């Protein structure tokens, strides 16, 4: 009798392992989706930082053009100040492109998440749920038949 019970215990499967694995996978996938959405939302913050930096650069450029005092221009000659002013103008132009690019990146991410990532996420979740439930049911039936 004891040997039969030991054999039965060895043959039985824990059906809840399928559910446990499915839940762990769901938690990791939800974390990655949340991270992707938060990165999309960070585009707005990065754009605001670029706008602020561009305003600072324009302010510095106006001071240099007017011959006003700036800390970075304090020890520079007129020639170096003009080079520095040209560098600032290049940085301003780059920041303007960056601002447009952040808008484009955010739009692309929104479209990608809405049309590709989230629908694929939903179908993958349904498939994994069905697989987990089938494994659970199979183990339960095997345990019941023993």
N, C-alpha and C. Protein backbone atom coordinates (compact mmCIF):
# COMPACT_ATOMS: atom_id res chain seq x y z
N UNK A 1 0.82 -1.19 0.00
CA UNK A 1 0.00 0.00 0.00
C UNK A 1 0.87 1.26 0.00
N UNK A 2 1.91 1.25 0.86
CA UNK A 2 2.80 2.41 0.94
C UNK A 2 3.54 2.63 -0.36
N UNK A 3 3.99 1.57 -1.00
CA UNK A 3 4.72 1.69 -2.27
C UNK A 3 3.79 2.24 -3.36
N UNK A 4 2.53 1.83 -3.36
CA UNK A 4 1.58 2.35 -4.34
C UNK A 4 1.36 3.85 -4.13
N UNK A 5 1.27 4.27 -2.88
CA UNK A 5 1.10 5.71 -2.60
C UNK A 5 2.34 6.50 -3.02
N UNK A 6 3.53 5.91 -2.78
CA UNK A 6 4.76 6.59 -3.20
C UNK A 6 4.82 6.72 -4.72
N UNK A 7 4.44 5.66 -5.42
CA UNK A 7 4.42 5.69 -6.89
C UNK A 7 3.40 6.72 -7.38
N UNK A 8 2.24 6.74 -6.76
CA UNK A 8 1.20 7.68 -7.15
C UNK A 8 1.68 9.13 -6.95
N UNK A 9 2.37 9.38 -5.84
CA UNK A 9 2.88 10.74 -5.58
C UNK A 9 3.93 11.15 -6.61
N UNK A 10 4.74 10.17 -7.04
CA UNK A 10 5.77 10.48 -8.05
C UNK A 10 5.14 10.75 -9.41
N UNK A 11 4.07 10.07 -9.73
CA UNK A 11 3.43 10.21 -11.03
C UNK A 11 2.57 11.46 -11.14
N UNK A 12 2.10 11.96 -10.03
CA UNK A 12 1.21 13.13 -10.06
C UNK A 12 2.01 14.39 -10.40
N UNK A 13 1.37 15.26 -11.14
CA UNK A 13 1.96 16.53 -11.55
C UNK A 13 1.25 17.67 -10.83
N UNK A 14 1.99 18.71 -10.54
CA UNK A 14 1.39 19.90 -9.94
C UNK A 14 0.84 20.77 -11.08
N UNK A 15 -0.47 20.84 -11.24
CA UNK A 15 -1.03 21.61 -12.36
C UNK A 15 -0.86 23.13 -12.20
N UNK A 16 -0.62 23.57 -10.99
CA UNK A 16 -0.52 25.01 -10.75
C UNK A 16 0.80 25.60 -11.23
N UNK A 17 1.76 24.74 -11.59
CA UNK A 17 3.04 25.26 -12.10
C UNK A 17 2.82 25.99 -13.42
N UNK A 18 1.86 25.54 -14.22
CA UNK A 18 1.55 26.22 -15.49
C UNK A 18 1.00 27.63 -15.22
N UNK A 19 0.14 27.73 -14.24
CA UNK A 19 -0.44 29.03 -13.89
C UNK A 19 0.65 29.94 -13.33
N UNK A 20 1.52 29.39 -12.47
CA UNK A 20 2.61 30.18 -11.89
C UNK A 20 3.52 30.74 -12.99
N UNK A 21 3.92 29.89 -13.93
CA UNK A 21 4.79 30.34 -15.02
C UNK A 21 4.10 31.38 -15.89
N UNK A 22 2.82 31.18 -16.14
CA UNK A 22 2.06 32.12 -16.95
C UNK A 22 2.00 33.49 -16.25
N UNK A 23 1.73 33.49 -14.95
CA UNK A 23 1.64 34.76 -14.21
C UNK A 23 2.98 35.47 -14.19
N UNK A 24 4.07 34.73 -13.99
CA UNK A 24 5.40 35.35 -14.01
C UNK A 24 5.68 35.99 -15.37
N UNK A 25 5.34 35.29 -16.43
CA UNK A 25 5.53 35.83 -17.78
C UNK A 25 4.68 37.07 -18.00
N UNK A 26 3.45 37.04 -17.51
CA UNK A 26 2.56 38.20 -17.65
C UNK A 26 3.13 39.42 -16.94
N UNK A 27 3.66 39.21 -15.76
CA UNK A 27 4.22 40.33 -14.99
C UNK A 27 5.41 40.94 -15.73
N UNK A 28 6.29 40.12 -16.27
CA UNK A 28 7.44 40.64 -17.00
C UNK A 28 7.00 41.36 -18.27
N UNK A 29 6.03 40.80 -18.98
CA UNK A 29 5.56 41.44 -20.21
C UNK A 29 4.87 42.77 -19.93
N UNK A 30 4.09 42.82 -18.86
CA UNK A 30 3.44 44.09 -18.51
C UNK A 30 4.47 45.14 -18.12
N UNK A 31 5.51 44.73 -17.40
CA UNK A 31 6.57 45.68 -17.05
C UNK A 31 7.23 46.25 -18.31
N UNK A 32 7.49 45.39 -19.28
CA UNK A 32 8.14 45.88 -20.50
C UNK A 32 7.22 46.80 -21.29
N UNK A 33 5.92 46.49 -21.33
CA UNK A 33 4.98 47.37 -22.03
C UNK A 33 4.87 48.72 -21.31
N UNK A 34 4.82 48.69 -20.00
CA UNK A 34 4.76 49.95 -19.23
C UNK A 34 6.03 50.77 -19.47
N UNK A 35 7.17 50.10 -19.53
CA UNK A 35 8.43 50.80 -19.79
C UNK A 35 8.42 51.43 -21.18
N UNK A 36 7.90 50.73 -22.17
CA UNK A 36 7.83 51.28 -23.53
C UNK A 36 6.93 52.51 -23.57
N UNK A 37 5.81 52.45 -22.88
CA UNK A 37 4.89 53.60 -22.85
C UNK A 37 5.53 54.77 -22.11
N UNK A 38 6.24 54.50 -21.03
CA UNK A 38 6.88 55.60 -20.29
C UNK A 38 8.00 56.23 -21.10
N UNK A 39 8.71 55.44 -21.90
CA UNK A 39 9.73 56.01 -22.78
C UNK A 39 9.09 56.92 -23.83
N UNK A 40 7.92 56.53 -24.32
CA UNK A 40 7.21 57.37 -25.27
C UNK A 40 6.84 58.70 -24.61
N UNK A 41 6.40 58.63 -23.36
CA UNK A 41 6.02 59.85 -22.65
C UNK A 41 7.24 60.71 -22.31
N UNK A 42 8.41 60.10 -22.19
CA UNK A 42 9.64 60.85 -21.90
C UNK A 42 10.05 61.74 -23.07
N UNK A 43 9.54 61.43 -24.26
CA UNK A 43 9.86 62.28 -25.42
C UNK A 43 9.42 63.72 -25.17
N UNK A 44 8.30 63.91 -24.52
CA UNK A 44 7.81 65.25 -24.21
C UNK A 44 8.77 65.95 -23.25
N UNK A 45 9.24 65.23 -22.23
CA UNK A 45 10.19 65.83 -21.29
C UNK A 45 11.49 66.21 -21.98
N UNK A 46 11.97 65.34 -22.85
CA UNK A 46 13.21 65.63 -23.57
C UNK A 46 13.04 66.83 -24.49
N UNK A 47 11.86 66.94 -25.09
CA UNK A 47 11.58 68.09 -25.95
C UNK A 47 11.59 69.37 -25.11
N UNK A 48 10.98 69.33 -23.94
CA UNK A 48 10.95 70.51 -23.06
C UNK A 48 12.36 70.90 -22.63
N UNK A 49 13.20 69.92 -22.34
CA UNK A 49 14.59 70.20 -21.97
C UNK A 49 15.33 70.86 -23.14
N UNK A 50 15.08 70.38 -24.36
CA UNK A 50 15.71 70.97 -25.54
C UNK A 50 15.24 72.41 -25.75
N UNK A 51 13.96 72.67 -25.51
CA UNK A 51 13.43 74.04 -25.65
C UNK A 51 14.08 74.96 -24.63
N UNK A 52 14.22 74.48 -23.40
CA UNK A 52 14.84 75.28 -22.35
C UNK A 52 16.31 75.57 -22.69
N UNK A 53 17.03 74.56 -23.14
CA UNK A 53 18.44 74.74 -23.50
C UNK A 53 18.57 75.70 -24.68
N UNK A 54 17.65 75.60 -25.63
CA UNK A 54 17.69 76.50 -26.78
C UNK A 54 17.44 77.94 -26.34
N UNK A 55 16.53 78.15 -25.40
CA UNK A 55 16.27 79.50 -24.89
C UNK A 55 17.51 80.05 -24.20
N UNK A 56 18.20 79.21 -23.42
CA UNK A 56 19.44 79.65 -22.77
C UNK A 56 20.51 80.01 -23.79
N UNK A 57 20.62 79.21 -24.83
CA UNK A 57 21.60 79.49 -25.88
C UNK A 57 21.27 80.79 -26.62
N UNK A 58 20.00 81.01 -26.88
CA UNK A 58 19.59 82.26 -27.56
C UNK A 58 19.88 83.47 -26.67
N UNK A 59 19.65 83.31 -25.38
CA UNK A 59 19.94 84.40 -24.44
C UNK A 59 21.44 84.71 -24.44
N UNK A 60 22.26 83.66 -24.39
CA UNK A 60 23.71 83.85 -24.42
C UNK A 60 24.14 84.49 -25.73
N UNK A 61 23.55 84.06 -26.82
CA UNK A 61 23.88 84.62 -28.14
C UNK A 61 23.53 86.10 -28.20
N UNK A 62 22.38 86.48 -27.66
CA UNK A 62 21.98 87.89 -27.66
C UNK A 62 22.95 88.73 -26.82
N UNK A 63 23.38 88.18 -25.69
CA UNK A 63 24.34 88.90 -24.85
C UNK A 63 25.67 89.10 -25.57
N UNK A 64 26.12 88.06 -26.25
CA UNK A 64 27.38 88.18 -26.99
C UNK A 64 27.24 89.18 -28.13
N UNK A 65 26.11 89.16 -28.82
CA UNK A 65 25.89 90.08 -29.94
C UNK A 65 25.82 91.53 -29.46
N UNK A 66 25.28 91.72 -28.26
CA UNK A 66 25.15 93.08 -27.73
C UNK A 66 26.43 93.53 -27.00
N UNK A 67 27.40 92.62 -26.85
CA UNK A 67 28.64 92.97 -26.17
C UNK A 67 28.50 92.97 -24.66
N UNK A 68 27.47 92.32 -24.15
CA UNK A 68 27.27 92.27 -22.71
C UNK A 68 28.18 91.22 -22.07
N UNK A 69 28.26 91.25 -20.76
CA UNK A 69 29.12 90.35 -20.01
C UNK A 69 28.52 88.94 -19.95
N UNK A 70 29.37 87.96 -20.26
CA UNK A 70 29.03 86.56 -20.04
C UNK A 70 30.22 85.89 -19.37
N UNK A 71 29.95 84.90 -18.56
CA UNK A 71 31.03 84.24 -17.83
C UNK A 71 31.95 83.50 -18.80
N UNK A 72 31.39 82.79 -19.76
CA UNK A 72 32.23 82.06 -20.71
C UNK A 72 32.98 82.98 -21.66
N UNK A 73 32.46 84.16 -21.89
CA UNK A 73 33.11 85.10 -22.80
C UNK A 73 34.04 86.07 -22.11
N UNK A 74 34.19 85.95 -20.81
CA UNK A 74 34.97 86.91 -20.03
C UNK A 74 36.44 86.94 -20.45
N UNK A 75 37.06 85.82 -20.66
CA UNK A 75 38.49 85.77 -20.96
C UNK A 75 38.77 85.53 -22.44
N UNK A 76 37.78 85.71 -23.29
CA UNK A 76 37.97 85.45 -24.72
C UNK A 76 38.21 86.76 -25.47
N UNK A 77 39.01 86.63 -26.51
CA UNK A 77 39.24 87.78 -27.38
C UNK A 77 38.04 87.94 -28.31
N UNK A 78 38.03 89.03 -29.09
CA UNK A 78 36.89 89.26 -30.00
C UNK A 78 36.79 88.14 -31.03
N UNK A 79 37.92 87.67 -31.48
CA UNK A 79 37.92 86.59 -32.47
C UNK A 79 37.35 85.30 -31.87
N UNK A 80 37.78 84.99 -30.65
CA UNK A 80 37.26 83.79 -29.99
C UNK A 80 35.79 83.93 -29.63
N UNK A 81 35.38 85.17 -29.30
CA UNK A 81 33.97 85.39 -29.01
C UNK A 81 33.11 85.15 -30.25
N UNK A 82 33.61 85.59 -31.40
CA UNK A 82 32.85 85.37 -32.64
C UNK A 82 32.78 83.88 -32.98
N UNK A 83 33.87 83.13 -32.72
CA UNK A 83 33.84 81.68 -32.92
C UNK A 83 32.85 81.03 -31.96
N UNK A 84 32.87 81.49 -30.72
CA UNK A 84 31.96 80.97 -29.71
C UNK A 84 30.51 81.27 -30.10
N UNK A 85 30.28 82.45 -30.63
CA UNK A 85 28.93 82.82 -31.07
C UNK A 85 28.49 81.94 -32.24
N UNK A 86 29.41 81.62 -33.15
CA UNK A 86 29.09 80.73 -34.26
C UNK A 86 28.75 79.33 -33.74
N UNK A 87 29.50 78.86 -32.73
CA UNK A 87 29.21 77.56 -32.13
C UNK A 87 27.81 77.57 -31.49
N UNK A 88 27.48 78.66 -30.83
CA UNK A 88 26.16 78.77 -30.20
C UNK A 88 25.06 78.73 -31.26
N UNK A 89 25.27 79.42 -32.37
CA UNK A 89 24.28 79.40 -33.45
C UNK A 89 24.11 78.00 -34.02
N UNK A 90 25.22 77.26 -34.13
CA UNK A 90 25.13 75.87 -34.59
C UNK A 90 24.34 75.02 -33.58
N UNK A 91 24.60 75.24 -32.29
CA UNK A 91 23.88 74.49 -31.25
C UNK A 91 22.39 74.82 -31.27
N UNK A 92 22.07 76.08 -31.51
CA UNK A 92 20.66 76.49 -31.59
C UNK A 92 19.98 75.79 -32.76
N UNK A 93 20.66 75.76 -33.90
CA UNK A 93 20.09 75.08 -35.07
C UNK A 93 19.89 73.59 -34.78
N UNK A 94 20.86 72.98 -34.10
CA UNK A 94 20.73 71.56 -33.75
C UNK A 94 19.57 71.33 -32.78
N UNK A 95 19.41 72.23 -31.81
CA UNK A 95 18.30 72.08 -30.86
C UNK A 95 16.95 72.21 -31.56
N UNK A 96 16.86 73.10 -32.56
CA UNK A 96 15.62 73.23 -33.32
C UNK A 96 15.31 71.92 -34.06
N UNK A 97 16.33 71.30 -34.64
CA UNK A 97 16.13 70.01 -35.30
C UNK A 97 15.75 68.94 -34.28
N UNK A 98 16.39 68.98 -33.12
CA UNK A 98 16.08 68.00 -32.07
C UNK A 98 14.62 68.10 -31.63
N UNK A 99 14.13 69.32 -31.49
CA UNK A 99 12.74 69.53 -31.08
C UNK A 99 11.78 68.92 -32.11
N UNK A 100 12.05 69.16 -33.39
CA UNK A 100 11.22 68.55 -34.44
C UNK A 100 11.33 67.03 -34.42
N UNK A 101 12.55 66.54 -34.18
CA UNK A 101 12.76 65.09 -34.15
C UNK A 101 12.05 64.44 -32.97
N UNK A 102 12.03 65.09 -31.81
CA UNK A 102 11.33 64.51 -30.66
C UNK A 102 9.84 64.37 -30.96
N UNK A 103 9.27 65.36 -31.65
CA UNK A 103 7.87 65.25 -32.05
C UNK A 103 7.67 64.07 -32.99
N UNK A 104 8.56 63.92 -33.97
CA UNK A 104 8.45 62.82 -34.93
C UNK A 104 8.61 61.47 -34.24
N UNK A 105 9.57 61.37 -33.34
CA UNK A 105 9.80 60.12 -32.63
C UNK A 105 8.57 59.73 -31.81
N UNK A 106 7.99 60.71 -31.13
CA UNK A 106 6.81 60.41 -30.32
C UNK A 106 5.65 59.94 -31.20
N UNK A 107 5.45 60.59 -32.34
CA UNK A 107 4.37 60.17 -33.24
C UNK A 107 4.61 58.76 -33.76
N UNK A 108 5.86 58.45 -34.10
CA UNK A 108 6.18 57.11 -34.59
C UNK A 108 5.93 56.08 -33.50
N UNK A 109 6.34 56.39 -32.27
CA UNK A 109 6.12 55.46 -31.16
C UNK A 109 4.64 55.23 -30.88
N UNK A 110 3.85 56.29 -30.96
CA UNK A 110 2.41 56.16 -30.74
C UNK A 110 1.79 55.24 -31.80
N UNK A 111 2.15 55.48 -33.06
CA UNK A 111 1.60 54.66 -34.13
C UNK A 111 2.07 53.21 -33.98
N UNK A 112 3.34 53.01 -33.67
CA UNK A 112 3.85 51.65 -33.51
C UNK A 112 3.17 50.92 -32.34
N UNK A 113 3.04 51.61 -31.22
CA UNK A 113 2.39 50.97 -30.08
C UNK A 113 0.92 50.64 -30.39
N UNK A 114 0.23 51.57 -31.05
CA UNK A 114 -1.20 51.37 -31.31
C UNK A 114 -1.45 50.32 -32.39
N UNK A 115 -0.61 50.25 -33.40
CA UNK A 115 -0.90 49.36 -34.52
C UNK A 115 -0.15 48.03 -34.46
N UNK A 116 1.01 48.01 -33.81
CA UNK A 116 1.82 46.80 -33.83
C UNK A 116 1.95 46.17 -32.44
N UNK A 117 2.51 46.91 -31.51
CA UNK A 117 2.93 46.34 -30.23
C UNK A 117 1.75 45.89 -29.37
N UNK A 118 0.79 46.75 -29.16
CA UNK A 118 -0.32 46.40 -28.26
C UNK A 118 -1.21 45.29 -28.84
N UNK A 119 -1.58 45.34 -30.14
CA UNK A 119 -2.35 44.21 -30.67
C UNK A 119 -1.58 42.87 -30.61
N UNK A 120 -0.30 42.90 -30.92
CA UNK A 120 0.51 41.68 -30.82
C UNK A 120 0.60 41.23 -29.37
N UNK A 121 0.72 42.19 -28.47
CA UNK A 121 0.77 41.89 -27.04
C UNK A 121 -0.50 41.16 -26.62
N UNK A 122 -1.66 41.66 -27.07
CA UNK A 122 -2.94 41.04 -26.70
C UNK A 122 -3.05 39.61 -27.24
N UNK A 123 -2.70 39.41 -28.51
CA UNK A 123 -2.82 38.07 -29.09
C UNK A 123 -1.84 37.10 -28.44
N UNK A 124 -0.64 37.57 -28.13
CA UNK A 124 0.33 36.70 -27.45
C UNK A 124 -0.17 36.32 -26.06
N UNK A 125 -0.79 37.27 -25.38
CA UNK A 125 -1.32 36.99 -24.04
C UNK A 125 -2.43 35.95 -24.10
N UNK A 126 -3.28 36.04 -25.09
CA UNK A 126 -4.37 35.07 -25.24
C UNK A 126 -3.80 33.68 -25.50
N UNK A 127 -2.80 33.61 -26.41
CA UNK A 127 -2.19 32.32 -26.71
C UNK A 127 -1.53 31.71 -25.46
N UNK A 128 -0.80 32.53 -24.71
CA UNK A 128 -0.13 32.02 -23.51
C UNK A 128 -1.13 31.59 -22.45
N UNK A 129 -2.24 32.31 -22.34
CA UNK A 129 -3.28 31.93 -21.38
C UNK A 129 -3.88 30.58 -21.76
N UNK A 130 -4.17 30.41 -23.04
CA UNK A 130 -4.77 29.15 -23.50
C UNK A 130 -3.79 27.99 -23.26
N UNK A 131 -2.52 28.22 -23.56
CA UNK A 131 -1.51 27.18 -23.33
C UNK A 131 -1.41 26.82 -21.86
N UNK A 132 -1.41 27.81 -21.00
CA UNK A 132 -1.33 27.56 -19.55
C UNK A 132 -2.55 26.78 -19.06
N UNK A 133 -3.72 27.16 -19.54
CA UNK A 133 -4.95 26.46 -19.13
C UNK A 133 -4.99 25.03 -19.66
N UNK A 134 -4.49 24.84 -20.89
CA UNK A 134 -4.44 23.48 -21.43
C UNK A 134 -3.49 22.60 -20.62
N UNK A 135 -2.32 23.14 -20.26
CA UNK A 135 -1.38 22.39 -19.43
C UNK A 135 -1.96 22.07 -18.07
N UNK A 136 -2.64 23.04 -17.49
CA UNK A 136 -3.29 22.84 -16.20
C UNK A 136 -4.33 21.72 -16.29
N UNK A 137 -5.18 21.80 -17.32
CA UNK A 137 -6.24 20.80 -17.49
C UNK A 137 -5.66 19.42 -17.75
N UNK A 138 -4.62 19.34 -18.57
CA UNK A 138 -3.99 18.05 -18.88
C UNK A 138 -3.43 17.41 -17.60
N UNK A 139 -2.72 18.19 -16.80
CA UNK A 139 -2.17 17.65 -15.56
C UNK A 139 -3.28 17.24 -14.58
N UNK A 140 -4.35 18.02 -14.53
CA UNK A 140 -5.47 17.66 -13.67
C UNK A 140 -6.11 16.35 -14.12
N UNK A 141 -6.29 16.20 -15.43
CA UNK A 141 -6.89 14.94 -15.94
C UNK A 141 -5.96 13.76 -15.69
N UNK A 142 -4.66 13.96 -15.89
CA UNK A 142 -3.71 12.87 -15.63
C UNK A 142 -3.73 12.48 -14.15
N UNK A 143 -3.81 13.47 -13.30
CA UNK A 143 -3.84 13.19 -11.84
C UNK A 143 -5.13 12.46 -11.46
N UNK A 144 -6.24 12.85 -12.10
CA UNK A 144 -7.53 12.23 -11.77
C UNK A 144 -7.61 10.78 -12.26
N UNK A 145 -6.91 10.50 -13.35
CA UNK A 145 -6.97 9.14 -13.91
C UNK A 145 -6.02 8.16 -13.21
N UNK A 146 -5.23 8.63 -12.33
CA UNK A 146 -4.27 7.72 -11.68
C UNK A 146 -4.80 7.12 -10.44
